[in-house]
Amino acid sequence: MPNDIAIAALAHLLGDRLTTSEADRRLHGQNETYYPNTPPDAVAYPETTAEVSAILKICHEHSCPVTAYGAASSLEGQHLALHGGISLDMSRMNRVLGVQSEDLTCVVQPGLTRKQLNENLRATGLFFSVDPGADASIGGMAATRASGTTAVRYGTIRDNVLAVEVVMADGTVIRSGSRARKSATGYDLTHLMIGSEGTLGIITELTLRLHGQPECITAATCRFEDVQQAVACVIATIQCGIPMARIELLDHMMVRGFNAYADAGLPEEPHLFLEFHGAPATVAEQMASFEEIAQDSGARGWKAATTTEDRNALWAMRHNAHYASAALGQGKHIWPTDVCVPISHLAEAIAQSQADALRLNLTATIVGHVGDGNFHAGLSVDPNDVDEMARAHTFTHTLAETALRLGGTVSGEHGIGIGKQDLMATEHGPALTYMRAIKHAFDPQGILNPGKLLPPVTQQEAAE
C-alpha cells in the first residue's frame, strides 16, 4: 500500500492504538445510509491534541490521507475514507475539560457525545441544546454544522460554539475564538471550521455555549388534513412570536413508518410534534396561544405530554425517523436528503417533493424542523437496483433544484460529504473558486478528508 511508511511510523507512535485489523477497518467503513463499505488502510485512536498533531505531521510528510471519525452518524458519508489512509477515531478524546457555570460555557473534547455532555451537566442546571437526534459526537456535530429539533429556539451548532482548538494539516495547533460572547478581531476562523467536514483541520477542543434548564417543559401533538394546513399553522405561530422550543412536521408517510416501526397507533395524517419551555405560567400561555392558532388552521386531535416519560417517548419516536423509514421500506436502505427553504415556501417545497415521489414510484417519508424551513426526505432504495437508484437520484436533484428556485439551500443540516458535491457549483457559483482557494491554503497536499465537500475541478473550469 502507498501509505505503508506512514502507517509504520504511526504504529511506532501509537502502539496498539493503531490497528490494521480487517474487523476494525470494516467497522470504520460503515455508514447509516446506502454507501458501500469503505474501509481505511488503518485506524488511529489518539488521546491528546499532541498525538493528533504528531499523527498529522507524519501523514503530511508522507501525503497520507486522514479522515476524522466521530460517531459515524453523518448521512452524507463525511466519515468514510474514500482514498484510504488513516481513519482518525476521536472516541478516546471524550472528556469535559471544564464547566464555567457563571459564563454558561463549557470546554470539551471532540469525541464526547451530546448525551454524555448533558449527563455531565445535569447537576449544574445547564444543558447543551443542539439535538440532531443521533447521539453524535460534539466534534462531528461541529464539523458537519449540525442542527436539529431545538434549532428553532436555541440555534444550530454554529450558534453554540464560541471557540475551537484545531490541528492543521501539517500538525500545527491553532486556537480561534474565546469564552467571550463576541469579538471584532481578524477573520472568523472558528466558524470557518464549523461545517468544513474535516477538510480544513481536525477539531480537538471546543468551547460551547450552554443554556439554563427550563423550569417547565411540556410537549404536545396535533394533526391536520394536509401538509398545507400544518405549514400554515407553523407560519402563523412564528409570526405571532411564540418561542417554540421544538416544532416538527411529519407527513402521512412518516406517520405510517412510525406505526410500522413502533406500533405508534397514530392516525395516518400529517402531524406536528411540539415542545414548549419556560416558567409554568409562561408555558401554559404559550400552549393556549398555539392551540388557538392550530384550531384556526384546522388542527384536531390535540394531545399534551406533560410527564417526562411521555415526552421522552414522543421524541424517541421522532429521533427514530431514519429507522421508521426503513421499516416502511421493508428493510431497504434509506437514501436520506434534506433541503432548507424560506418558511413562506415550505408548503410548496414539500408538496412538490411528495408529487415527485409519486411520479417516480418511490417510497418516501418527510419529516422536518419546520420552524426554520428545513425538512428531510427518506427514500427507500435497493443499491443493487440500478433503475430505482436512478429514480432516487432524480428525486434528490429535483428537490435540490426546487429548494434553490425557492431561495433556499440544497442542505440545511446533512451537509455535502459525498452525495451533493455536484450541486455546490449550482448553489455557490463563482464563490466555489474561493472555497477551493481556502482549502488549498489550509491543506495544500489535500490530505484532509479528500473527496468530500468540494467537487473536483471540471475540464471546463480548468480550461477557463
Protein backbone atom coordinates (compact mmCIF):
# COMPACT_ATOMS: atom_id res chain seq x y z
CA MET A 1 0.00 0.00 0.00
CA PRO A 2 1.27 3.51 -0.75
CA ASN A 3 0.61 4.55 2.84
CA ASP A 4 2.71 1.76 4.40
CA ILE A 5 5.54 4.06 5.52
CA ALA A 6 3.16 6.44 7.28
CA ILE A 7 1.31 3.54 8.92
CA ALA A 8 4.57 2.04 10.17
CA ALA A 9 5.58 5.39 11.68
CA LEU A 10 2.15 5.77 13.30
CA ALA A 11 2.36 2.26 14.76
CA HIS A 12 5.66 3.24 16.38
CA LEU A 13 3.99 6.37 17.79
CA LEU A 14 0.71 4.83 18.98
CA GLY A 15 1.46 1.17 19.61
CA ASP A 16 -1.74 -0.87 19.81
CA ARG A 17 -3.80 2.29 19.31
CA LEU A 18 -3.03 1.99 15.61
CA THR A 19 -4.78 -1.00 14.09
CA THR A 20 -4.95 -2.50 10.63
CA SER A 21 -7.28 -5.38 11.53
CA GLU A 22 -9.93 -6.11 8.91
CA ALA A 23 -12.72 -6.01 11.51
CA ASP A 24 -11.78 -2.55 12.77
CA ARG A 25 -11.24 -1.22 9.27
CA ARG A 26 -14.63 -2.53 8.08
CA LEU A 27 -16.33 -1.07 11.16
CA HIS A 28 -14.94 2.34 10.26
CA GLY A 29 -16.06 1.88 6.66
CA GLN A 30 -19.74 1.52 7.56
CA ASN A 31 -22.38 4.22 7.32
CA GLU A 32 -26.06 4.77 8.11
CA THR A 33 -27.18 5.03 4.50
CA TYR A 34 -26.67 3.36 1.14
CA TYR A 35 -22.96 3.98 0.52
CA PRO A 36 -20.85 0.81 0.21
CA ASN A 37 -18.44 -0.15 2.99
CA THR A 38 -15.29 1.93 2.52
CA PRO A 39 -12.56 0.75 4.91
CA PRO A 40 -9.49 2.89 5.61
CA ASP A 41 -5.99 1.42 5.49
CA ALA A 42 -5.63 1.82 9.26
CA VAL A 43 -7.45 3.23 12.28
CA ALA A 44 -5.72 5.52 14.79
CA TYR A 45 -7.03 6.25 18.30
CA PRO A 46 -5.40 9.45 19.61
CA GLU A 47 -5.89 10.55 23.21
CA THR A 48 -4.44 14.07 23.20
CA THR A 49 -4.08 17.09 20.94
CA ALA A 50 -0.33 16.46 20.93
CA GLU A 51 -0.91 12.99 19.49
CA VAL A 52 -3.24 14.34 16.81
CA SER A 53 -0.54 16.85 15.92
CA ALA A 54 2.11 14.13 15.72
CA ILE A 55 -0.16 11.96 13.56
CA LEU A 56 -0.80 14.77 11.11
CA LYS A 57 2.88 15.66 10.90
CA ILE A 58 3.64 12.09 9.87
CA CYS A 59 0.75 11.92 7.41
CA HIS A 60 1.65 15.31 5.95
CA GLU A 61 5.23 14.19 5.43
CA HIS A 62 4.10 11.07 3.55
CA SER A 63 1.00 12.54 1.82
CA CYS A 64 -1.21 10.04 3.62
CA PRO A 65 -4.96 10.86 3.74
CA VAL A 66 -6.58 11.47 7.14
CA THR A 67 -10.32 11.28 7.73
CA ALA A 68 -11.73 12.22 11.13
CA TYR A 69 -14.21 9.76 12.64
CA GLY A 70 -16.70 10.57 15.40
CA ALA A 71 -19.90 8.60 16.00
CA ALA A 72 -20.38 7.71 12.30
CA SER A 73 -23.92 9.15 12.36
CA SER A 74 -23.46 11.52 9.41
CA LEU A 75 -25.82 10.95 6.49
CA GLU A 76 -23.67 12.05 3.54
CA GLY A 77 -20.66 9.79 4.16
CA GLN A 78 -18.45 12.51 5.64
CA HIS A 79 -16.55 9.99 7.81
CA LEU A 80 -15.75 7.50 5.04
CA ALA A 81 -12.10 7.21 3.98
CA LEU A 82 -12.70 7.34 0.23
CA HIS A 83 -8.98 7.42 -0.57
CA GLY A 84 -7.82 5.05 2.14
CA GLY A 85 -5.22 6.27 4.57
CA ILE A 86 -6.00 6.84 8.24
CA SER A 87 -9.37 6.91 9.94
CA LEU A 88 -8.73 9.18 12.94
CA ASP A 89 -11.12 7.83 15.59
CA MET A 90 -11.64 10.58 18.18
CA SER A 91 -13.70 8.49 20.63
CA ARG A 92 -10.97 8.42 23.30
CA MET A 93 -10.82 12.22 23.39
CA ASN A 94 -14.14 12.38 25.20
CA ARG A 95 -13.67 14.46 28.36
CA VAL A 96 -15.37 17.55 29.69
CA LEU A 97 -12.36 19.79 30.35
CA GLY A 98 -14.22 22.46 32.32
CA VAL A 99 -17.62 23.98 33.04
CA GLN A 100 -17.89 27.72 33.63
CA SER A 101 -21.39 27.92 35.11
CA GLU A 102 -21.46 31.69 35.59
CA ASP A 103 -20.48 32.22 31.95
CA LEU A 104 -22.84 29.50 30.70
CA THR A 105 -19.97 27.82 28.85
CA CYS A 106 -18.01 24.59 28.91
CA VAL A 107 -14.88 23.23 27.23
CA VAL A 108 -14.98 19.71 25.80
CA GLN A 109 -13.01 17.30 23.68
CA PRO A 110 -14.46 16.35 20.29
CA GLY A 111 -15.16 12.68 20.98
CA LEU A 112 -17.66 13.47 23.72
CA THR A 113 -21.24 12.81 22.60
CA ARG A 114 -24.10 15.21 23.23
CA LYS A 115 -25.84 12.78 25.61
CA GLN A 116 -22.63 12.29 27.60
CA LEU A 117 -22.25 16.05 27.86
CA ASN A 118 -25.78 16.64 29.10
CA GLU A 119 -25.45 13.83 31.62
CA ASN A 120 -22.30 15.50 32.91
CA LEU A 121 -24.11 18.86 33.11
CA ARG A 122 -27.21 17.58 34.87
CA ALA A 123 -26.22 18.78 38.36
CA THR A 124 -25.30 22.27 37.12
CA GLY A 125 -28.78 23.32 35.99
CA LEU A 126 -27.40 23.86 32.49
CA PHE A 127 -27.74 21.93 29.24
CA PHE A 128 -26.30 21.80 25.74
CA SER A 129 -29.16 22.50 23.38
CA VAL A 130 -28.20 21.16 19.95
CA ASP A 131 -30.11 17.93 19.32
CA PRO A 132 -29.65 16.34 15.87
CA GLY A 133 -31.38 13.16 17.03
CA ALA A 134 -28.46 10.78 16.89
CA ASP A 135 -26.08 10.67 19.86
CA ALA A 136 -23.47 12.35 17.71
CA SER A 137 -20.02 13.41 18.86
CA ILE A 138 -19.59 17.12 19.55
CA GLY A 139 -16.64 17.33 17.16
CA GLY A 140 -18.62 15.64 14.41
CA MET A 141 -21.57 17.93 15.02
CA ALA A 142 -19.30 20.95 14.65
CA ALA A 143 -17.56 19.58 11.56
CA THR A 144 -20.89 18.95 9.80
CA ARG A 145 -22.65 22.09 11.12
CA ALA A 146 -25.33 20.03 12.85
CA SER A 147 -28.74 21.36 13.69
CA GLY A 148 -31.83 19.52 14.90
CA THR A 149 -35.17 19.73 16.61
CA THR A 150 -34.31 22.57 19.02
CA ALA A 151 -32.66 24.91 16.49
CA VAL A 152 -35.82 26.99 16.09
CA ARG A 153 -35.27 28.36 19.62
CA TYR A 154 -31.65 27.74 20.59
CA GLY A 155 -29.87 27.85 17.24
CA THR A 156 -27.65 25.37 15.41
CA ILE A 157 -24.20 24.17 16.45
CA ARG A 158 -22.78 27.23 14.69
CA ASP A 159 -24.58 29.47 17.16
CA ASN A 160 -23.35 27.46 20.14
CA VAL A 161 -19.60 27.16 19.50
CA LEU A 162 -17.55 30.06 20.86
CA ALA A 163 -14.01 28.77 20.31
CA VAL A 164 -12.09 25.83 18.87
CA GLU A 165 -8.66 24.28 19.03
CA VAL A 166 -7.70 22.81 15.66
CA VAL A 167 -4.78 20.76 14.37
CA MET A 168 -3.92 21.83 10.85
CA ALA A 169 -2.85 19.56 8.01
CA ASP A 170 0.88 19.94 8.78
CA GLY A 171 0.38 19.32 12.52
CA THR A 172 0.34 22.95 13.62
CA VAL A 173 -2.06 23.58 16.52
CA ILE A 174 -4.12 26.77 16.42
CA ARG A 175 -6.82 28.28 18.64
CA SER A 176 -9.62 30.51 17.41
CA GLY A 177 -12.27 32.34 19.42
CA SER A 178 -12.61 32.65 23.20
CA ARG A 179 -15.11 32.37 26.04
CA ALA A 180 -16.18 35.97 25.36
CA ARG A 181 -19.56 36.28 23.63
CA LYS A 182 -18.26 38.41 20.79
CA SER A 183 -15.07 39.56 19.11
CA ALA A 184 -14.07 42.03 16.40
CA THR A 185 -10.57 40.68 15.76
CA GLY A 186 -9.44 39.17 12.49
CA TYR A 187 -11.05 36.57 10.25
CA ASP A 188 -13.59 34.29 11.91
CA LEU A 189 -11.65 31.03 11.68
CA THR A 190 -13.84 29.49 14.38
CA HIS A 191 -16.90 29.45 12.21
CA LEU A 192 -14.92 28.64 9.09
CA MET A 193 -14.14 25.32 10.76
CA ILE A 194 -17.82 24.77 11.58
CA GLY A 195 -19.23 22.83 8.63
CA SER A 196 -15.86 22.26 6.95
CA GLU A 197 -16.39 18.48 7.28
CA GLY A 198 -12.82 17.79 8.36
CA THR A 199 -11.36 19.19 5.13
CA LEU A 200 -9.54 22.17 6.69
CA GLY A 201 -8.34 20.85 10.06
CA ILE A 202 -9.06 18.42 12.89
CA ILE A 203 -11.00 19.94 15.80
CA THR A 204 -9.51 18.80 19.12
CA GLU A 205 -11.26 21.09 21.61
CA LEU A 206 -14.46 23.16 21.66
CA THR A 207 -15.81 25.91 23.89
CA LEU A 208 -19.60 25.66 23.88
CA ARG A 209 -22.46 27.95 24.83
CA LEU A 210 -24.84 26.44 27.40
CA HIS A 211 -28.39 27.28 28.43
CA GLY A 212 -30.32 27.09 31.68
CA GLN A 213 -32.54 24.05 32.04
CA PRO A 214 -36.17 25.18 31.62
CA GLU A 215 -38.28 25.22 34.76
CA CYS A 216 -41.17 23.64 32.88
CA ILE A 217 -41.25 21.53 29.70
CA THR A 218 -44.42 20.37 28.00
CA ALA A 219 -44.79 18.57 24.69
CA ALA A 220 -47.88 18.12 22.52
CA THR A 221 -49.08 16.70 19.23
CA CYS A 222 -51.84 17.57 16.81
CA ARG A 223 -52.76 16.52 13.29
CA PHE A 224 -54.10 18.11 10.12
CA GLU A 225 -55.92 17.10 6.99
CA ASP A 226 -52.98 18.06 4.78
CA VAL A 227 -49.47 19.48 4.88
CA GLN A 228 -50.60 22.91 3.73
CA GLN A 229 -52.75 23.33 6.85
CA ALA A 230 -49.87 22.23 9.09
CA VAL A 231 -47.40 24.63 7.49
CA ALA A 232 -49.92 27.49 7.65
CA CYS A 233 -50.18 26.81 11.39
CA VAL A 234 -46.39 26.92 11.74
CA ILE A 235 -46.08 30.19 9.82
CA ALA A 236 -48.79 31.83 11.93
CA THR A 237 -47.08 30.59 15.10
CA ILE A 238 -43.71 32.04 14.12
CA GLN A 239 -45.27 35.32 13.02
CA CYS A 240 -47.04 35.63 16.38
CA GLY A 241 -43.71 35.32 18.16
CA ILE A 242 -44.47 32.21 20.19
CA PRO A 243 -41.00 30.98 21.25
CA MET A 244 -41.37 27.33 20.27
CA ALA A 245 -38.66 25.02 21.61
CA ARG A 246 -39.46 22.36 19.00
CA ILE A 247 -41.95 22.28 16.15
CA GLU A 248 -41.63 19.21 13.92
CA LEU A 249 -43.72 18.25 10.90
CA LEU A 250 -44.35 14.64 9.90
CA ASP A 251 -46.17 13.79 6.70
CA HIS A 252 -48.63 10.88 6.47
CA MET A 253 -45.93 8.52 5.13
CA MET A 254 -43.66 9.26 8.06
CA VAL A 255 -46.53 8.59 10.46
CA ARG A 256 -47.16 5.32 8.65
CA GLY A 257 -43.49 4.48 9.19
CA PHE A 258 -43.79 5.13 12.93
CA ASN A 259 -46.79 2.84 13.06
CA ALA A 260 -44.85 0.12 11.24
CA TYR A 261 -41.68 0.53 13.31
CA ALA A 262 -43.03 1.19 16.80
CA ASP A 263 -46.75 0.37 16.63
CA ALA A 264 -47.40 4.04 17.41
CA GLY A 265 -51.11 3.85 16.64
CA LEU A 266 -51.19 7.34 15.12
CA PRO A 267 -53.83 8.36 12.54
CA GLU A 268 -52.02 8.44 9.21
CA GLU A 269 -52.30 12.17 8.62
CA PRO A 270 -49.73 15.00 8.80
CA HIS A 271 -48.78 15.73 12.41
CA LEU A 272 -46.96 18.44 14.33
CA PHE A 273 -44.83 17.41 17.32
CA LEU A 274 -44.30 20.37 19.65
CA GLU A 275 -42.43 21.38 22.77
CA PHE A 276 -42.68 24.46 24.99
CA HIS A 277 -40.04 25.67 27.52
CA GLY A 278 -40.25 28.25 30.29
CA ALA A 279 -41.87 29.01 33.62
CA PRO A 280 -45.12 27.06 34.24
CA ALA A 281 -47.37 30.08 33.65
CA THR A 282 -45.42 31.03 30.51
CA VAL A 283 -45.65 27.51 29.08
CA ALA A 284 -49.39 27.39 29.77
CA GLU A 285 -49.83 30.71 27.97
CA GLN A 286 -47.72 29.58 25.01
CA MET A 287 -49.68 26.35 24.68
CA ALA A 288 -53.03 28.15 24.84
CA SER A 289 -51.91 30.60 22.15
CA PHE A 290 -50.62 27.83 19.92
CA GLU A 291 -53.72 25.69 20.36
CA GLU A 292 -55.89 28.64 19.28
CA ILE A 293 -53.78 29.15 16.14
CA ALA A 294 -53.82 25.41 15.43
CA GLN A 295 -57.60 25.19 15.68
CA ASP A 296 -57.95 28.12 13.30
CA SER A 297 -55.67 26.22 10.89
CA GLY A 298 -57.81 23.06 11.01
CA ALA A 299 -55.93 21.06 13.65
CA ARG A 300 -57.57 18.22 15.52
CA GLY A 301 -56.54 15.51 17.97
CA TRP A 302 -54.67 17.87 20.32
CA LYS A 303 -52.77 15.83 22.91
CA ALA A 304 -50.39 17.15 25.58
CA ALA A 305 -47.47 15.18 27.02
CA THR A 306 -46.63 16.65 30.41
CA THR A 307 -44.71 13.82 32.09
CA THR A 308 -41.04 13.20 31.44
CA GLU A 309 -41.80 9.64 30.34
CA ASP A 310 -44.39 10.74 27.77
CA ARG A 311 -42.11 13.47 26.41
CA ASN A 312 -39.17 11.11 26.15
CA ALA A 313 -41.29 8.54 24.32
CA LEU A 314 -42.51 11.19 21.88
CA TRP A 315 -39.04 12.45 20.99
CA ALA A 316 -37.54 8.96 20.94
CA MET A 317 -40.10 8.12 18.27
CA ARG A 318 -39.21 11.28 16.33
CA HIS A 319 -35.48 10.59 16.60
CA ASN A 320 -36.00 7.10 15.19
CA ALA A 321 -37.40 8.51 11.94
CA HIS A 322 -34.50 7.03 9.95
CA TYR A 323 -35.26 3.51 11.18
CA ALA A 324 -39.02 4.02 10.88
CA SER A 325 -38.46 4.97 7.23
CA ALA A 326 -36.52 1.73 6.78
CA ALA A 327 -39.38 -0.24 8.35
CA LEU A 328 -41.82 1.36 5.91
CA GLY A 329 -39.48 0.39 3.06
CA GLN A 330 -39.42 -3.20 4.31
CA GLY A 331 -35.76 -3.19 5.23
CA LYS A 332 -34.37 -1.39 2.19
CA HIS A 333 -31.52 1.06 2.61
CA ILE A 334 -32.52 4.67 3.22
CA TRP A 335 -31.30 7.41 0.94
CA PRO A 336 -31.72 10.48 3.15
CA THR A 337 -31.69 14.01 1.83
CA ASP A 338 -32.63 17.43 3.15
CA VAL A 339 -33.15 20.98 1.96
CA CYS A 340 -33.99 24.26 3.64
CA VAL A 341 -36.23 26.96 2.16
CA PRO A 342 -37.75 30.22 3.35
CA ILE A 343 -40.67 29.25 5.56
CA SER A 344 -43.11 31.04 3.24
CA HIS A 345 -42.26 28.48 0.52
CA LEU A 346 -42.16 25.41 2.78
CA ALA A 347 -45.59 24.02 1.85
CA GLU A 348 -44.80 24.39 -1.85
CA ALA A 349 -41.47 22.57 -1.50
CA ILE A 350 -42.99 19.71 0.49
CA ALA A 351 -45.93 19.33 -1.88
CA GLN A 352 -43.54 19.22 -4.83
CA SER A 353 -41.40 16.54 -3.17
CA GLN A 354 -44.48 14.42 -2.40
CA ALA A 355 -45.63 14.71 -6.02
CA ASP A 356 -42.15 13.81 -7.28
CA ALA A 357 -42.05 10.70 -5.09
CA LEU A 358 -45.39 9.53 -6.52
CA ARG A 359 -44.31 10.33 -10.07
CA LEU A 360 -41.07 8.39 -9.66
CA ASN A 361 -42.74 5.48 -7.84
CA LEU A 362 -40.59 5.89 -4.74
CA THR A 363 -41.47 5.21 -1.11
CA ALA A 364 -40.57 8.43 0.66
CA THR A 365 -41.12 9.88 4.12
CA ILE A 366 -40.93 13.55 5.03
CA VAL A 367 -40.08 14.98 8.42
CA GLY A 368 -38.94 18.50 9.10
CA HIS A 369 -37.77 21.15 11.52
CA VAL A 370 -40.43 23.34 10.00
CA GLY A 371 -39.90 26.27 12.34
CA ASP A 372 -36.78 27.11 10.32
CA GLY A 373 -37.86 25.78 6.92
CA ASN A 374 -35.72 22.62 6.99
CA PHE A 375 -37.15 19.23 6.04
CA HIS A 376 -35.82 15.75 5.33
CA ALA A 377 -36.91 13.09 2.87
CA GLY A 378 -36.08 9.44 3.41
CA LEU A 379 -36.18 7.30 0.24
CA SER A 380 -36.31 3.50 0.44
CA VAL A 381 -33.83 2.12 -2.09
CA ASP A 382 -32.10 -1.09 -3.09
CA PRO A 383 -28.49 -0.15 -4.01
CA ASN A 384 -28.42 -3.12 -6.41
CA ASP A 385 -31.47 -1.88 -8.32
CA VAL A 386 -29.97 0.41 -10.93
CA ASP A 387 -33.32 1.80 -12.06
CA GLU A 388 -34.51 2.58 -8.53
CA MET A 389 -31.22 4.28 -7.68
CA ALA A 390 -31.52 6.39 -10.83
CA ARG A 391 -35.05 7.44 -9.85
CA ALA A 392 -33.85 8.31 -6.34
CA HIS A 393 -31.05 10.41 -7.83
CA THR A 394 -33.61 12.23 -9.96
CA PHE A 395 -35.75 12.87 -6.87
CA THR A 396 -32.91 14.30 -4.77
CA HIS A 397 -31.66 16.56 -7.53
CA THR A 398 -35.15 17.77 -8.40
CA LEU A 399 -35.72 18.54 -4.72
CA ALA A 400 -32.44 20.47 -4.57
CA GLU A 401 -33.37 22.42 -7.71
CA THR A 402 -36.76 23.21 -6.16
CA ALA A 403 -35.09 24.49 -2.99
CA LEU A 404 -32.74 26.75 -4.95
CA ARG A 405 -35.58 28.05 -7.11
CA LEU A 406 -37.46 29.00 -3.95
CA GLY A 407 -34.50 30.86 -2.48
CA GLY A 408 -33.20 28.05 -0.27
CA THR A 409 -30.21 25.73 0.01
CA VAL A 410 -29.51 22.15 -1.03
CA SER A 411 -28.82 21.16 2.58
CA GLY A 412 -29.85 22.78 5.82
CA GLU A 413 -28.41 20.05 8.01
CA HIS A 414 -26.91 16.91 6.45
CA GLY A 415 -24.08 18.72 4.68
CA ILE A 416 -22.39 17.83 1.41
CA GLY A 417 -19.99 14.95 2.03
CA ILE A 418 -20.11 12.67 -1.00
CA GLY A 419 -23.70 12.95 -2.11
CA LYS A 420 -24.25 16.62 -3.01
CA GLN A 421 -20.92 17.77 -4.39
CA ASP A 422 -22.30 18.17 -7.89
CA LEU A 423 -24.80 20.73 -6.54
CA MET A 424 -22.18 23.01 -5.00
CA ALA A 425 -21.45 24.93 -8.19
CA THR A 426 -25.16 25.45 -8.85
CA GLU A 427 -25.72 26.92 -5.41
CA HIS A 428 -22.49 28.86 -4.94
CA GLY A 429 -21.36 29.80 -8.45
CA PRO A 430 -18.05 31.73 -8.53
CA ALA A 431 -17.81 31.50 -4.72
CA LEU A 432 -16.79 27.86 -5.18
CA THR A 433 -13.46 29.07 -6.60
CA TYR A 434 -12.75 30.91 -3.34
CA MET A 435 -13.72 27.86 -1.29
CA ARG A 436 -11.19 25.81 -3.23
CA ALA A 437 -8.58 28.52 -2.61
CA ILE A 438 -9.22 28.30 1.14
CA LYS A 439 -8.90 24.52 1.01
CA HIS A 440 -5.57 24.76 -0.83
CA ALA A 441 -4.24 27.37 1.59
CA PHE A 442 -5.12 25.26 4.63
CA ASP A 443 -4.28 21.85 3.15
CA PRO A 444 -2.02 22.22 0.10
CA GLN A 445 -1.36 18.48 -0.16
CA GLY A 446 -5.05 17.64 0.08
CA ILE A 447 -4.67 15.01 2.81
CA LEU A 448 -7.63 16.09 4.97
CA ASN A 449 -10.77 14.11 4.11
CA PRO A 450 -10.08 14.05 0.38
CA GLY A 451 -13.03 13.57 -1.92
CA LYS A 452 -15.53 15.40 0.30
CA LEU A 453 -17.44 18.66 0.24
CA LEU A 454 -15.78 20.35 -2.77
CA PRO A 455 -16.34 18.81 -6.21
CA PRO A 456 -13.34 18.11 -8.45
CA VAL A 457 -12.44 20.85 -10.90
CA THR A 458 -14.14 20.13 -14.23
CA GLN A 459 -12.32 20.22 -17.58
CA GLN A 460 -14.22 23.37 -18.49
CA GLU A 461 -13.21 25.07 -15.24
CA ALA A 462 -9.59 24.02 -15.74
CA ALA A 463 -9.65 25.43 -19.28
CA GLU A 464 -11.03 28.73 -18.04
